[in-house]
């Protein structure tokens, strides 16, 4: 059985590495996108089971990506973990969040990220 795929959309390399290691420890295969433009391309080709989305990205904003994902029939039910240090951006996307979405304010606690990933995996297994 193949591992579930998590796409990490984050422009800060150290944070990407931390998120990837944390999710790999939870049994996910990971793919990273370093900016919004690359993320749009990757999301068009890959079918993730989880997306970790930074809101503050170069080229294409995280808020745009969130709306794009939720409007795409292929991706609209994929759980999104929104990761941001910007409380204004966080509050702007909160009304559009579904029961599949989670909000983490940076600095993100790795254990909290892993707990959410476990919850998502358990939901998808049932």
PDB file of N, CA and C in Angstrom:
ATOM      1  N   UNK A   1       0.843  -1.182   0.000  1.00  0.00           N
ATOM      2  CA  UNK A   1       0.000   0.000   0.000  1.00  0.00           C
ATOM      3  C   UNK A   1       0.885   1.241   0.000  1.00  0.00           C
ATOM      4  N   UNK A   2       0.590   2.196  -0.875  1.00  0.00           N
ATOM      5  CA  UNK A   2       1.425   3.393  -0.954  1.00  0.00           C
ATOM      6  C   UNK A   2       1.083   4.369   0.176  1.00  0.00           C
ATOM      7  N   UNK A   3       2.056   5.175   0.489  1.00  0.00           N
ATOM      8  CA  UNK A   3       1.876   6.167   1.549  1.00  0.00           C
ATOM      9  C   UNK A   3       1.007   7.309   1.039  1.00  0.00           C
ATOM     10  N   UNK A   4       0.221   7.917   1.925  1.00  0.00           N
ATOM     11  CA  UNK A   4      -0.548   9.093   1.524  1.00  0.00           C
ATOM     12  C   UNK A   4       0.406  10.250   1.211  1.00  0.00           C
ATOM     13  N   UNK A   5       0.007  11.102   0.271  1.00  0.00           N
ATOM     14  CA  UNK A   5       0.856  12.209  -0.174  1.00  0.00           C
ATOM     15  C   UNK A   5       0.439  13.516   0.481  1.00  0.00           C
ATOM     16  N   UNK A   6       1.411  14.179   1.093  1.00  0.00           N
ATOM     17  CA  UNK A   6       1.205  15.523   1.634  1.00  0.00           C
ATOM     18  C   UNK A   6       2.006  16.506   0.790  1.00  0.00           C
ATOM     19  N   UNK A   7       1.340  17.543   0.297  1.00  0.00           N
ATOM     20  CA  UNK A   7       2.032  18.623  -0.405  1.00  0.00           C
ATOM     21  C   UNK A   7       2.231  19.750   0.595  1.00  0.00           C
ATOM     22  N   UNK A   8       3.471  20.175   0.721  1.00  0.00           N
ATOM     23  CA  UNK A   8       3.827  21.273   1.626  1.00  0.00           C
ATOM     24  C   UNK A   8       4.128  22.488   0.762  1.00  0.00           C
ATOM     25  N   UNK A   9       3.316  23.529   0.907  1.00  0.00           N
ATOM     26  CA  UNK A   9       3.484  24.754   0.131  1.00  0.00           C
ATOM     27  C   UNK A   9       4.004  25.814   1.096  1.00  0.00           C
ATOM     28  N   UNK A  10       5.297  26.040   1.051  1.00  0.00           N
ATOM     29  CA  UNK A  10       5.979  26.902   2.031  1.00  0.00           C
ATOM     30  C   UNK A  10       7.245  27.454   1.381  1.00  0.00           C
ATOM     31  N   UNK A  11       7.454  28.769   1.487  1.00  0.00           N
ATOM     32  CA  UNK A  11       8.620  29.371   0.843  1.00  0.00           C
ATOM     33  C   UNK A  11       9.870  29.380   1.722  1.00  0.00           C
ATOM     34  N   UNK A  12       9.731  29.149   2.979  1.00  0.00           N
ATOM     35  CA  UNK A  12      10.877  29.159   3.890  1.00  0.00           C
ATOM     36  C   UNK A  12      11.452  27.751   3.982  1.00  0.00           C
ATOM     37  N   UNK A  13      12.685  27.575   3.517  1.00  0.00           N
ATOM     38  CA  UNK A  13      13.280  26.248   3.391  1.00  0.00           C
ATOM     39  C   UNK A  13      13.345  25.474   4.706  1.00  0.00           C
ATOM     40  N   UNK A  14      13.768  26.126   5.779  1.00  0.00           N
ATOM     41  CA  UNK A  14      13.893  25.421   7.063  1.00  0.00           C
ATOM     42  C   UNK A  14      12.530  24.932   7.554  1.00  0.00           C
ATOM     43  N   UNK A  15      11.502  25.753   7.377  1.00  0.00           N
ATOM     44  CA  UNK A  15      10.157  25.351   7.797  1.00  0.00           C
ATOM     45  C   UNK A  15       9.664  24.195   6.933  1.00  0.00           C
ATOM     46  N   UNK A  16       9.906  24.263   5.618  1.00  0.00           N
ATOM     47  CA  UNK A  16       9.538  23.149   4.727  1.00  0.00           C
ATOM     48  C   UNK A  16      10.168  21.854   5.205  1.00  0.00           C
ATOM     49  N   UNK A  17      11.450  21.915   5.541  1.00  0.00           N
ATOM     50  CA  UNK A  17      12.176  20.717   5.982  1.00  0.00           C
ATOM     51  C   UNK A  17      11.591  20.156   7.280  1.00  0.00           C
ATOM     52  N   UNK A  18      11.255  21.036   8.207  1.00  0.00           N
ATOM     53  CA  UNK A  18      10.669  20.606   9.481  1.00  0.00           C
ATOM     54  C   UNK A  18       9.307  19.952   9.248  1.00  0.00           C
ATOM     55  N   UNK A  19       8.464  20.601   8.442  1.00  0.00           N
ATOM     56  CA  UNK A  19       7.140  20.048   8.138  1.00  0.00           C
ATOM     57  C   UNK A  19       7.277  18.691   7.450  1.00  0.00           C
ATOM     58  N   UNK A  20       8.185  18.599   6.469  1.00  0.00           N
ATOM     59  CA  UNK A  20       8.361  17.345   5.732  1.00  0.00           C
ATOM     60  C   UNK A  20       8.805  16.228   6.673  1.00  0.00           C
ATOM     61  N   UNK A  21       9.772  16.504   7.519  1.00  0.00           N
ATOM     62  CA  UNK A  21      10.258  15.479   8.459  1.00  0.00           C
ATOM     63  C   UNK A  21       9.140  15.053   9.410  1.00  0.00           C
ATOM     64  N   UNK A  22       8.376  16.010   9.912  1.00  0.00           N
ATOM     65  CA  UNK A  22       7.286  15.699  10.842  1.00  0.00           C
ATOM     66  C   UNK A  22       6.229  14.824  10.177  1.00  0.00           C
ATOM     67  N   UNK A  23       5.870  15.148   8.943  1.00  0.00           N
ATOM     68  CA  UNK A  23       4.839  14.378   8.247  1.00  0.00           C
ATOM     69  C   UNK A  23       5.351  13.010   7.806  1.00  0.00           C
ATOM     70  N   UNK A  24       6.617  12.934   7.443  1.00  0.00           N
ATOM     71  CA  UNK A  24       7.201  11.639   7.092  1.00  0.00           C
ATOM     72  C   UNK A  24       7.202  10.710   8.305  1.00  0.00           C
ATOM     73  N   UNK A  25       7.425  11.268   9.485  1.00  0.00           N
ATOM     74  CA  UNK A  25       7.377  10.467  10.713  1.00  0.00           C
ATOM     75  C   UNK A  25       5.964   9.922  10.958  1.00  0.00           C
ATOM     76  N   UNK A  26       4.963  10.578  10.399  1.00  0.00           N
ATOM     77  CA  UNK A  26       3.568  10.142  10.541  1.00  0.00           C
ATOM     78  C   UNK A  26       3.130   9.252   9.380  1.00  0.00           C
ATOM     79  N   UNK A  27       4.073   8.878   8.515  1.00  0.00           N
ATOM     80  CA  UNK A  27       3.762   7.946   7.445  1.00  0.00           C
ATOM     81  C   UNK A  27       3.352   8.563   6.123  1.00  0.00           C
ATOM     82  N   UNK A  28       3.579   9.854   5.959  1.00  0.00           N
ATOM     83  CA  UNK A  28       3.243  10.514   4.701  1.00  0.00           C
ATOM     84  C   UNK A  28       4.456  10.574   3.780  1.00  0.00           C
ATOM     85  N   UNK A  29       4.199  10.447   2.507  1.00  0.00           N
ATOM     86  CA  UNK A  29       5.178  10.807   1.484  1.00  0.00           C
ATOM     87  C   UNK A  29       4.997  12.315   1.323  1.00  0.00           C
ATOM     88  N   UNK A  30       6.072  13.069   1.117  1.00  0.00           N
ATOM     89  CA  UNK A  30       5.931  14.521   1.017  1.00  0.00           C
ATOM     90  C   UNK A  30       6.468  15.048  -0.303  1.00  0.00           C
ATOM     91  N   UNK A  31       5.852  16.126  -0.740  1.00  0.00           N
ATOM     92  CA  UNK A  31       6.296  16.871  -1.912  1.00  0.00           C
ATOM     93  C   UNK A  31       6.255  18.335  -1.502  1.00  0.00           C
ATOM     94  N   UNK A  32       7.284  19.102  -1.846  1.00  0.00           N
ATOM     95  CA  UNK A  32       7.310  20.507  -1.455  1.00  0.00           C
ATOM     96  C   UNK A  32       7.200  21.419  -2.673  1.00  0.00           C
ATOM     97  N   UNK A  33       6.467  22.503  -2.477  1.00  0.00           N
ATOM     98  CA  UNK A  33       6.359  23.588  -3.450  1.00  0.00           C
ATOM     99  C   UNK A  33       6.872  24.839  -2.747  1.00  0.00           C
ATOM    100  N   UNK A  34       7.819  25.527  -3.371  1.00  0.00           N
ATOM    101  CA  UNK A  34       8.482  26.638  -2.687  1.00  0.00           C
ATOM    102  C   UNK A  34       7.834  27.998  -2.928  1.00  0.00           C
ATOM    103  N   UNK A  35       6.865  28.078  -3.833  1.00  0.00           N
ATOM    104  CA  UNK A  35       6.145  29.337  -4.034  1.00  0.00           C
ATOM    105  C   UNK A  35       4.774  29.040  -4.625  1.00  0.00           C
ATOM    106  N   UNK A  36       3.945  30.059  -4.699  1.00  0.00           N
ATOM    107  CA  UNK A  36       2.581  29.864  -5.160  1.00  0.00           C
ATOM    108  C   UNK A  36       2.467  29.419  -6.604  1.00  0.00           C
ATOM    109  N   UNK A  37       3.334  29.922  -7.458  1.00  0.00           N
ATOM    110  CA  UNK A  37       3.299  29.539  -8.874  1.00  0.00           C
ATOM    111  C   UNK A  37       3.623  28.055  -9.036  1.00  0.00           C
ATOM    112  N   UNK A  38       4.674  27.606  -8.348  1.00  0.00           N
ATOM    113  CA  UNK A  38       5.041  26.189  -8.401  1.00  0.00           C
ATOM    114  C   UNK A  38       3.916  25.335  -7.816  1.00  0.00           C
ATOM    115  N   UNK A  39       3.288  25.823  -6.755  1.00  0.00           N
ATOM    116  CA  UNK A  39       2.191  25.076  -6.122  1.00  0.00           C
ATOM    117  C   UNK A  39       1.037  24.856  -7.096  1.00  0.00           C
ATOM    118  N   UNK A  40       0.670  25.885  -7.859  1.00  0.00           N
ATOM    119  CA  UNK A  40      -0.409  25.725  -8.833  1.00  0.00           C
ATOM    120  C   UNK A  40      -0.068  24.636  -9.843  1.00  0.00           C
ATOM    121  N   UNK A  41       1.170  24.633 -10.305  1.00  0.00           N
ATOM    122  CA  UNK A  41       1.619  23.613 -11.255  1.00  0.00           C
ATOM    123  C   UNK A  41       1.572  22.222 -10.612  1.00  0.00           C
ATOM    124  N   UNK A  42       2.111  22.120  -9.397  1.00  0.00           N
ATOM    125  CA  UNK A  42       2.141  20.831  -8.698  1.00  0.00           C
ATOM    126  C   UNK A  42       0.742  20.311  -8.402  1.00  0.00           C
ATOM    127  N   UNK A  43      -0.153  21.202  -7.986  1.00  0.00           N
ATOM    128  CA  UNK A  43      -1.525  20.799  -7.672  1.00  0.00           C
ATOM    129  C   UNK A  43      -2.270  20.317  -8.914  1.00  0.00           C
ATOM    130  N   UNK A  44      -1.846  20.786 -10.083  1.00  0.00           N
ATOM    131  CA  UNK A  44      -2.452  20.330 -11.329  1.00  0.00           C
ATOM    132  C   UNK A  44      -2.020  18.930 -11.713  1.00  0.00           C
ATOM    133  N   UNK A  45      -0.892  18.478 -11.174  1.00  0.00           N
ATOM    134  CA  UNK A  45      -0.338  17.171 -11.555  1.00  0.00           C
ATOM    135  C   UNK A  45      -0.501  16.104 -10.478  1.00  0.00           C
ATOM    136  N   UNK A  46      -0.526  16.505  -9.229  1.00  0.00           N
ATOM    137  CA  UNK A  46      -0.500  15.555  -8.119  1.00  0.00           C
ATOM    138  C   UNK A  46      -1.864  15.458  -7.448  1.00  0.00           C
ATOM    139  N   UNK A  47      -2.115  14.321  -6.800  1.00  0.00           N
ATOM    140  CA  UNK A  47      -3.357  14.146  -6.043  1.00  0.00           C
ATOM    141  C   UNK A  47      -2.986  13.915  -4.572  1.00  0.00           C
ATOM    142  N   UNK A  48      -2.889  15.001  -3.802  1.00  0.00           N
ATOM    143  CA  UNK A  48      -2.508  14.852  -2.398  1.00  0.00           C
ATOM    144  C   UNK A  48      -3.664  14.368  -1.536  1.00  0.00           C
ATOM    145  N   UNK A  49      -3.301  13.832  -0.380  1.00  0.00           N
ATOM    146  CA  UNK A  49      -4.309  13.491   0.620  1.00  0.00           C
ATOM    147  C   UNK A  49      -4.313  14.533   1.738  1.00  0.00           C
ATOM    148  N   UNK A  50      -3.325  15.429   1.705  1.00  0.00           N
ATOM    149  CA  UNK A  50      -3.178  16.496   2.696  1.00  0.00           C
ATOM    150  C   UNK A  50      -2.365  17.614   2.070  1.00  0.00           C
ATOM    151  N   UNK A  51      -2.747  18.858   2.365  1.00  0.00           N
ATOM    152  CA  UNK A  51      -1.992  20.026   1.907  1.00  0.00           C
ATOM    153  C   UNK A  51      -1.664  20.881   3.118  1.00  0.00           C
ATOM    154  N   UNK A  52      -0.387  21.244   3.250  1.00  0.00           N
ATOM    155  CA  UNK A  52       0.028  22.219   4.259  1.00  0.00           C
ATOM    156  C   UNK A  52       0.302  23.504   3.483  1.00  0.00           C
ATOM    157  N   UNK A  53      -0.415  24.562   3.803  1.00  0.00           N
ATOM    158  CA  UNK A  53      -0.408  25.781   3.000  1.00  0.00           C
ATOM    159  C   UNK A  53      -0.008  27.002   3.819  1.00  0.00           C
ATOM    160  N   UNK A  54       1.121  27.592   3.433  1.00  0.00           N
ATOM    161  CA  UNK A  54       1.529  28.876   3.993  1.00  0.00           C
ATOM    162  C   UNK A  54       0.689  29.955   3.311  1.00  0.00           C
ATOM    163  N   UNK A  55       0.291  30.967   4.028  1.00  0.00           N
ATOM    164  CA  UNK A  55      -0.526  32.027   3.446  1.00  0.00           C
ATOM    165  C   UNK A  55       0.304  33.104   2.761  1.00  0.00           C
ATOM    166  N   UNK A  56       1.531  33.302   3.212  1.00  0.00           N
ATOM    167  CA  UNK A  56       2.360  34.392   2.720  1.00  0.00           C
ATOM    168  C   UNK A  56       3.415  33.831   1.769  1.00  0.00           C
ATOM    169  N   UNK A  57       3.075  33.759   0.474  1.00  0.00           N
ATOM    170  CA  UNK A  57       3.935  33.136  -0.520  1.00  0.00           C
ATOM    171  C   UNK A  57       4.306  34.112  -1.630  1.00  0.00           C
ATOM    172  N   UNK A  58       5.459  33.900  -2.256  1.00  0.00           N
ATOM    173  CA  UNK A  58       5.788  34.700  -3.444  1.00  0.00           C
ATOM    174  C   UNK A  58       4.969  34.249  -4.659  1.00  0.00           C
ATOM    175  N   UNK A  59       4.726  35.154  -5.577  1.00  0.00           N
ATOM    176  CA  UNK A  59       4.101  34.940  -6.892  1.00  0.00           C
ATOM    177  C   UNK A  59       2.593  34.751  -6.843  1.00  0.00           C
ATOM    178  N   UNK A  60       2.104  33.832  -6.034  1.00  0.00           N
ATOM    179  CA  UNK A  60       0.663  33.590  -5.905  1.00  0.00           C
ATOM    180  C   UNK A  60       0.384  33.429  -4.413  1.00  0.00           C
ATOM    181  N   UNK A  61      -0.584  34.172  -3.904  1.00  0.00           N
ATOM    182  CA  UNK A  61      -0.840  34.152  -2.457  1.00  0.00           C
ATOM    183  C   UNK A  61      -1.455  32.837  -1.988  1.00  0.00           C
ATOM    184  N   UNK A  62      -1.236  32.547  -0.722  1.00  0.00           N
ATOM    185  CA  UNK A  62      -1.849  31.384  -0.112  1.00  0.00           C
ATOM    186  C   UNK A  62      -3.365  31.480  -0.112  1.00  0.00           C
ATOM    187  N   UNK A  63      -3.891  32.690   0.061  1.00  0.00           N
ATOM    188  CA  UNK A  63      -5.342  32.885   0.055  1.00  0.00           C
ATOM    189  C   UNK A  63      -5.912  32.518  -1.310  1.00  0.00           C
ATOM    190  N   UNK A  64      -5.248  32.924  -2.394  1.00  0.00           N
ATOM    191  CA  UNK A  64      -5.681  32.553  -3.739  1.00  0.00           C
ATOM    192  C   UNK A  64      -5.623  31.030  -3.914  1.00  0.00           C
ATOM    193  N   UNK A  65      -4.512  30.425  -3.456  1.00  0.00           N
ATOM    194  CA  UNK A  65      -4.363  28.972  -3.570  1.00  0.00           C
ATOM    195  C   UNK A  65      -5.473  28.245  -2.808  1.00  0.00           C
ATOM    196  N   UNK A  66      -5.790  28.735  -1.616  1.00  0.00           N
ATOM    197  CA  UNK A  66      -6.863  28.122  -0.824  1.00  0.00           C
ATOM    198  C   UNK A  66      -8.170  28.126  -1.616  1.00  0.00           C
ATOM    199  N   UNK A  67      -8.528  29.278  -2.176  1.00  0.00           N
ATOM    200  CA  UNK A  67      -9.769  29.380  -2.952  1.00  0.00           C
ATOM    201  C   UNK A  67      -9.702  28.504  -4.208  1.00  0.00           C
ATOM    202  N   UNK A  68      -8.535  28.448  -4.833  1.00  0.00           N
ATOM    203  CA  UNK A  68      -8.339  27.600  -6.016  1.00  0.00           C
ATOM    204  C   UNK A  68      -8.565  26.122  -5.661  1.00  0.00           C
ATOM    205  N   UNK A  69      -7.970  25.683  -4.567  1.00  0.00           N
ATOM    206  CA  UNK A  69      -8.103  24.289  -4.135  1.00  0.00           C
ATOM    207  C   UNK A  69      -9.563  23.974  -3.825  1.00  0.00           C
ATOM    208  N   UNK A  70     -10.226  24.833  -3.077  1.00  0.00           N
ATOM    209  CA  UNK A  70     -11.616  24.593  -2.698  1.00  0.00           C
ATOM    210  C   UNK A  70     -12.562  24.659  -3.902  1.00  0.00           C
ATOM    211  N   UNK A  71     -12.137  25.320  -4.991  1.00  0.00           N
ATOM    212  CA  UNK A  71     -12.957  25.405  -6.195  1.00  0.00           C
ATOM    213  C   UNK A  71     -12.665  24.319  -7.214  1.00  0.00           C
ATOM    214  N   UNK A  72     -11.667  23.501  -6.961  1.00  0.00           N
ATOM    215  CA  UNK A  72     -11.259  22.435  -7.892  1.00  0.00           C
ATOM    216  C   UNK A  72     -11.943  21.132  -7.475  1.00  0.00           C
ATOM    217  N   UNK A  73     -12.775  20.576  -8.351  1.00  0.00           N
ATOM    218  CA  UNK A  73     -13.525  19.353  -8.017  1.00  0.00           C
ATOM    219  C   UNK A  73     -12.618  18.216  -7.572  1.00  0.00           C
ATOM    220  N   UNK A  74     -11.417  18.142  -8.121  1.00  0.00           N
ATOM    221  CA  UNK A  74     -10.485  17.059  -7.799  1.00  0.00           C
ATOM    222  C   UNK A  74      -9.859  17.242  -6.423  1.00  0.00           C
ATOM    223  N   UNK A  75      -9.771  18.483  -5.954  1.00  0.00           N
ATOM    224  CA  UNK A  75      -9.056  18.789  -4.708  1.00  0.00           C
ATOM    225  C   UNK A  75      -9.942  19.327  -3.580  1.00  0.00           C
ATOM    226  N   UNK A  76     -11.190  19.647  -3.877  1.00  0.00           N
ATOM    227  CA  UNK A  76     -12.003  20.416  -2.926  1.00  0.00           C
ATOM    228  C   UNK A  76     -12.222  19.759  -1.570  1.00  0.00           C
ATOM    229  N   UNK A  77     -12.074  18.440  -1.475  1.00  0.00           N
ATOM    230  CA  UNK A  77     -12.266  17.786  -0.179  1.00  0.00           C
ATOM    231  C   UNK A  77     -10.941  17.420   0.508  1.00  0.00           C
ATOM    232  N   UNK A  78      -9.822  17.760  -0.120  1.00  0.00           N
ATOM    233  CA  UNK A  78      -8.519  17.459   0.477  1.00  0.00           C
ATOM    234  C   UNK A  78      -8.327  18.346   1.716  1.00  0.00           C
ATOM    235  N   UNK A  79      -8.006  17.766   2.857  1.00  0.00           N
ATOM    236  CA  UNK A  79      -7.768  18.577   4.055  1.00  0.00           C
ATOM    237  C   UNK A  79      -6.589  19.530   3.855  1.00  0.00           C
ATOM    238  N   UNK A  80      -6.764  20.742   4.360  1.00  0.00           N
ATOM    239  CA  UNK A  80      -5.715  21.760   4.279  1.00  0.00           C
ATOM    240  C   UNK A  80      -5.353  22.191   5.693  1.00  0.00           C
ATOM    241  N   UNK A  81      -4.064  22.165   5.978  1.00  0.00           N
ATOM    242  CA  UNK A  81      -3.549  22.750   7.213  1.00  0.00           C
ATOM    243  C   UNK A  81      -2.960  24.098   6.820  1.00  0.00           C
ATOM    244  N   UNK A  82      -3.613  25.171   7.233  1.00  0.00           N
ATOM    245  CA  UNK A  82      -3.153  26.514   6.919  1.00  0.00           C
ATOM    246  C   UNK A  82      -2.144  26.916   7.982  1.00  0.00           C
ATOM    247  N   UNK A  83      -0.997  27.370   7.518  1.00  0.00           N
ATOM    248  CA  UNK A  83       0.093  27.755   8.411  1.00  0.00           C
ATOM    249  C   UNK A  83       0.455  29.207   8.115  1.00  0.00           C
ATOM    250  N   UNK A  84       0.309  30.064   9.117  1.00  0.00           N
ATOM    251  CA  UNK A  84       0.616  31.472   8.885  1.00  0.00           C
ATOM    252  C   UNK A  84       1.035  32.164  10.178  1.00  0.00           C
ATOM    253  N   UNK A  85       1.878  33.163  10.031  1.00  0.00           N
ATOM    254  CA  UNK A  85       2.248  34.014  11.164  1.00  0.00           C
ATOM    255  C   UNK A  85       1.427  35.300  11.148  1.00  0.00           C
ATOM    256  N   UNK A  86       0.663  35.493  10.082  1.00  0.00           N
ATOM    257  CA  UNK A  86      -0.088  36.721   9.879  1.00  0.00           C
ATOM    258  C   UNK A  86      -1.541  36.519  10.317  1.00  0.00           C
ATOM    259  N   UNK A  87      -1.900  37.105  11.435  1.00  0.00           N
ATOM    260  CA  UNK A  87      -3.254  36.908  11.971  1.00  0.00           C
ATOM    261  C   UNK A  87      -4.317  37.540  11.076  1.00  0.00           C
ATOM    262  N   UNK A  88      -3.975  38.594  10.331  1.00  0.00           N
ATOM    263  CA  UNK A  88      -4.940  39.215   9.419  1.00  0.00           C
ATOM    264  C   UNK A  88      -5.258  38.254   8.272  1.00  0.00           C
ATOM    265  N   UNK A  89      -4.222  37.632   7.695  1.00  0.00           N
ATOM    266  CA  UNK A  89      -4.450  36.639   6.642  1.00  0.00           C
ATOM    267  C   UNK A  89      -5.236  35.450   7.182  1.00  0.00           C
ATOM    268  N   UNK A  90      -4.916  35.033   8.389  1.00  0.00           N
ATOM    269  CA  UNK A  90      -5.625  33.907   8.997  1.00  0.00           C
ATOM    270  C   UNK A  90      -7.112  34.222   9.133  1.00  0.00           C
ATOM    271  N   UNK A  91      -7.427  35.407   9.613  1.00  0.00           N
ATOM    272  CA  UNK A  91      -8.838  35.756   9.804  1.00  0.00           C
ATOM    273  C   UNK A  91      -9.559  35.941   8.473  1.00  0.00           C
ATOM    274  N   UNK A  92      -8.829  36.287   7.406  1.00  0.00           N
ATOM    275  CA  UNK A  92      -9.481  36.477   6.108  1.00  0.00           C
ATOM    276  C   UNK A  92      -9.907  35.159   5.481  1.00  0.00           C
ATOM    277  N   UNK A  93      -9.231  34.073   5.810  1.00  0.00           N
ATOM    278  CA  UNK A  93      -9.560  32.776   5.213  1.00  0.00           C
ATOM    279  C   UNK A  93     -10.484  31.944   6.119  1.00  0.00           C
ATOM    280  N   UNK A  94     -10.545  32.273   7.383  1.00  0.00           N
ATOM    281  CA  UNK A  94     -11.342  31.494   8.340  1.00  0.00           C
ATOM    282  C   UNK A  94     -12.799  31.299   7.903  1.00  0.00           C
ATOM    283  N   UNK A  95     -13.484  32.315   7.374  1.00  0.00           N
ATOM    284  CA  UNK A  95     -14.883  32.095   6.970  1.00  0.00           C
ATOM    285  C   UNK A  95     -15.051  31.058   5.854  1.00  0.00           C
ATOM    286  N   UNK A  96     -14.016  30.831   5.063  1.00  0.00           N
ATOM    287  CA  UNK A  96     -14.086  29.882   3.954  1.00  0.00           C
ATOM    288  C   UNK A  96     -13.637  28.475   4.331  1.00  0.00           C
ATOM    289  N   UNK A  97     -13.174  28.298   5.564  1.00  0.00           N
ATOM    290  CA  UNK A  97     -12.675  27.000   5.991  1.00  0.00           C
ATOM    291  C   UNK A  97     -13.821  26.006   6.164  1.00  0.00           C
ATOM    292  N   UNK A  98     -13.511  24.718   5.901  1.00  0.00           N
ATOM    293  CA  UNK A  98     -14.484  23.649   6.073  1.00  0.00           C
ATOM    294  C   UNK A  98     -14.057  22.795   7.269  1.00  0.00           C
ATOM    295  N   UNK A  99     -14.822  21.746   7.541  1.00  0.00           N
ATOM    296  CA  UNK A  99     -14.460  20.833   8.632  1.00  0.00           C
ATOM    297  C   UNK A  99     -13.175  20.068   8.317  1.00  0.00           C
ATOM    298  N   UNK A 100     -12.722  20.102   7.065  1.00  0.00           N
ATOM    299  CA  UNK A 100     -11.478  19.447   6.665  1.00  0.00           C
ATOM    300  C   UNK A 100     -10.249  20.325   6.845  1.00  0.00           C
ATOM    301  N   UNK A 101     -10.456  21.569   7.247  1.00  0.00           N
ATOM    302  CA  UNK A 101      -9.354  22.523   7.316  1.00  0.00           C
ATOM    303  C   UNK A 101      -8.947  22.827   8.757  1.00  0.00           C
ATOM    304  N   UNK A 102      -7.664  23.099   8.910  1.00  0.00           N
ATOM    305  CA  UNK A 102      -7.094  23.394  10.221  1.00  0.00           C
ATOM    306  C   UNK A 102      -6.228  24.631  10.106  1.00  0.00           C
ATOM    307  N   UNK A 103      -6.161  25.426  11.151  1.00  0.00           N
ATOM    308  CA  UNK A 103      -5.352  26.636  11.158  1.00  0.00           C
ATOM    309  C   UNK A 103      -4.287  26.522  12.235  1.00  0.00           C
ATOM    310  N   UNK A 104      -3.029  26.699  11.837  1.00  0.00           N
ATOM    311  CA  UNK A 104      -1.912  26.723  12.780  1.00  0.00           C
ATOM    312  C   UNK A 104      -1.199  28.061  12.644  1.00  0.00           C
ATOM    313  N   UNK A 105      -1.006  28.719  13.768  1.00  0.00           N
ATOM    314  CA  UNK A 105      -0.312  30.003  13.773  1.00  0.00           C
ATOM    315  C   UNK A 105       1.161  29.747  14.080  1.00  0.00           C
ATOM    316  N   UNK A 106       2.014  30.330  13.245  1.00  0.00           N
ATOM    317  CA  UNK A 106       3.466  30.170  13.421  1.00  0.00           C
ATOM    318  C   UNK A 106       3.918  30.952  14.640  1.00  0.00           C
ATOM    319  N   UNK A 107       4.892  30.469  15.360  1.00  0.00           N
ATOM    320  CA  UNK A 107       5.638  29.250  15.087  1.00  0.00           C
ATOM    321  C   UNK A 107       4.787  28.016  15.403  1.00  0.00           C
ATOM    322  N   UNK A 108       4.752  27.094  14.452  1.00  0.00           N
ATOM    323  CA  UNK A 108       3.940  25.886  14.564  1.00  0.00           C
ATOM    324  C   UNK A 108       4.651  24.869  15.444  1.00  0.00           C
ATOM    325  N   UNK A 109       3.904  24.305  16.381  1.00  0.00           N
ATOM    326  CA  UNK A 109       4.437  23.222  17.204  1.00  0.00           C
ATOM    327  C   UNK A 109       4.379  21.938  16.381  1.00  0.00           C
ATOM    328  N   UNK A 110       5.517  21.281  16.210  1.00  0.00           N
ATOM    329  CA  UNK A 110       5.605  20.075  15.398  1.00  0.00           C
ATOM    330  C   UNK A 110       4.635  19.014  15.899  1.00  0.00           C
ATOM    331  N   UNK A 111       4.525  18.859  17.205  1.00  0.00           N
ATOM    332  CA  UNK A 111       3.616  17.842  17.757  1.00  0.00           C
ATOM    333  C   UNK A 111       2.159  18.133  17.387  1.00  0.00           C
ATOM    334  N   UNK A 112       1.809  19.410  17.305  1.00  0.00           N
ATOM    335  CA  UNK A 112       0.452  19.777  16.922  1.00  0.00           C
ATOM    336  C   UNK A 112       0.212  19.445  15.443  1.00  0.00           C
ATOM    337  N   UNK A 113       1.206  19.739  14.598  1.00  0.00           N
ATOM    338  CA  UNK A 113       1.118  19.389  13.182  1.00  0.00           C
ATOM    339  C   UNK A 113       0.955  17.882  13.020  1.00  0.00           C
ATOM    340  N   UNK A 114       1.738  17.120  13.757  1.00  0.00           N
ATOM    341  CA  UNK A 114       1.667  15.662  13.678  1.00  0.00           C
ATOM    342  C   UNK A 114       0.319  15.137  14.185  1.00  0.00           C
ATOM    343  N   UNK A 115      -0.198  15.731  15.232  1.00  0.00           N
ATOM    344  CA  UNK A 115      -1.496  15.301  15.768  1.00  0.00           C
ATOM    345  C   UNK A 115      -2.606  15.530  14.739  1.00  0.00           C
ATOM    346  N   UNK A 116      -2.565  16.664  14.069  1.00  0.00           N
ATOM    347  CA  UNK A 116      -3.567  16.944  13.033  1.00  0.00           C
ATOM    348  C   UNK A 116      -3.412  15.954  11.878  1.00  0.00           C
ATOM    349  N   UNK A 117      -2.163  15.687  11.479  1.00  0.00           N
ATOM    350  CA  UNK A 117      -1.910  14.735  10.394  1.00  0.00           C
ATOM    351  C   UNK A 117      -2.447  13.345  10.760  1.00  0.00           C
ATOM    352  N   UNK A 118      -2.258  12.931  12.004  1.00  0.00           N
ATOM    353  CA  UNK A 118      -2.795  11.637  12.457  1.00  0.00           C
ATOM    354  C   UNK A 118      -4.321  11.621  12.384  1.00  0.00           C
ATOM    355  N   UNK A 119      -4.935  12.718  12.796  1.00  0.00           N
ATOM    356  CA  UNK A 119      -6.393  12.837  12.745  1.00  0.00           C
ATOM    357  C   UNK A 119      -6.886  12.716  11.310  1.00  0.00           C
ATOM    358  N   UNK A 120      -6.212  13.397  10.401  1.00  0.00           N
ATOM    359  CA  UNK A 120      -6.597  13.358   8.987  1.00  0.00           C
ATOM    360  C   UNK A 120      -6.449  11.943   8.440  1.00  0.00           C
ATOM    361  N   UNK A 121      -5.329  11.287   8.754  1.00  0.00           N
ATOM    362  CA  UNK A 121      -5.114   9.908   8.291  1.00  0.00           C
ATOM    363  C   UNK A 121      -6.190   8.977   8.829  1.00  0.00           C
ATOM    364  N   UNK A 122      -6.541   9.136  10.084  1.00  0.00           N
ATOM    365  CA  UNK A 122      -7.563   8.277  10.699  1.00  0.00           C
ATOM    366  C   UNK A 122      -8.916   8.500  10.029  1.00  0.00           C
ATOM    367  N   UNK A 123      -9.261   9.739   9.746  1.00  0.00           N
ATOM    368  CA  UNK A 123     -10.526  10.042   9.068  1.00  0.00           C
ATOM    369  C   UNK A 123     -10.578   9.399   7.688  1.00  0.00           C
ATOM    370  N   UNK A 124      -9.444   9.464   6.992  1.00  0.00           N
ATOM    371  CA  UNK A 124      -9.403   8.937   5.619  1.00  0.00           C
ATOM    372  C   UNK A 124      -9.398   7.414   5.598  1.00  0.00           C
ATOM    373  N   UNK A 125      -8.990   6.796   6.695  1.00  0.00           N
ATOM    374  CA  UNK A 125      -8.947   5.330   6.762  1.00  0.00           C
ATOM    375  C   UNK A 125     -10.327   4.727   6.989  1.00  0.00           C
ATOM    376  N   UNK A 126     -11.265   5.545   7.459  1.00  0.00           N
ATOM    377  CA  UNK A 126     -12.608   5.018   7.740  1.00  0.00           C
ATOM    378  C   UNK A 126     -13.543   5.189   6.583  1.00  0.00           C
TER     379      UNK A 126
END
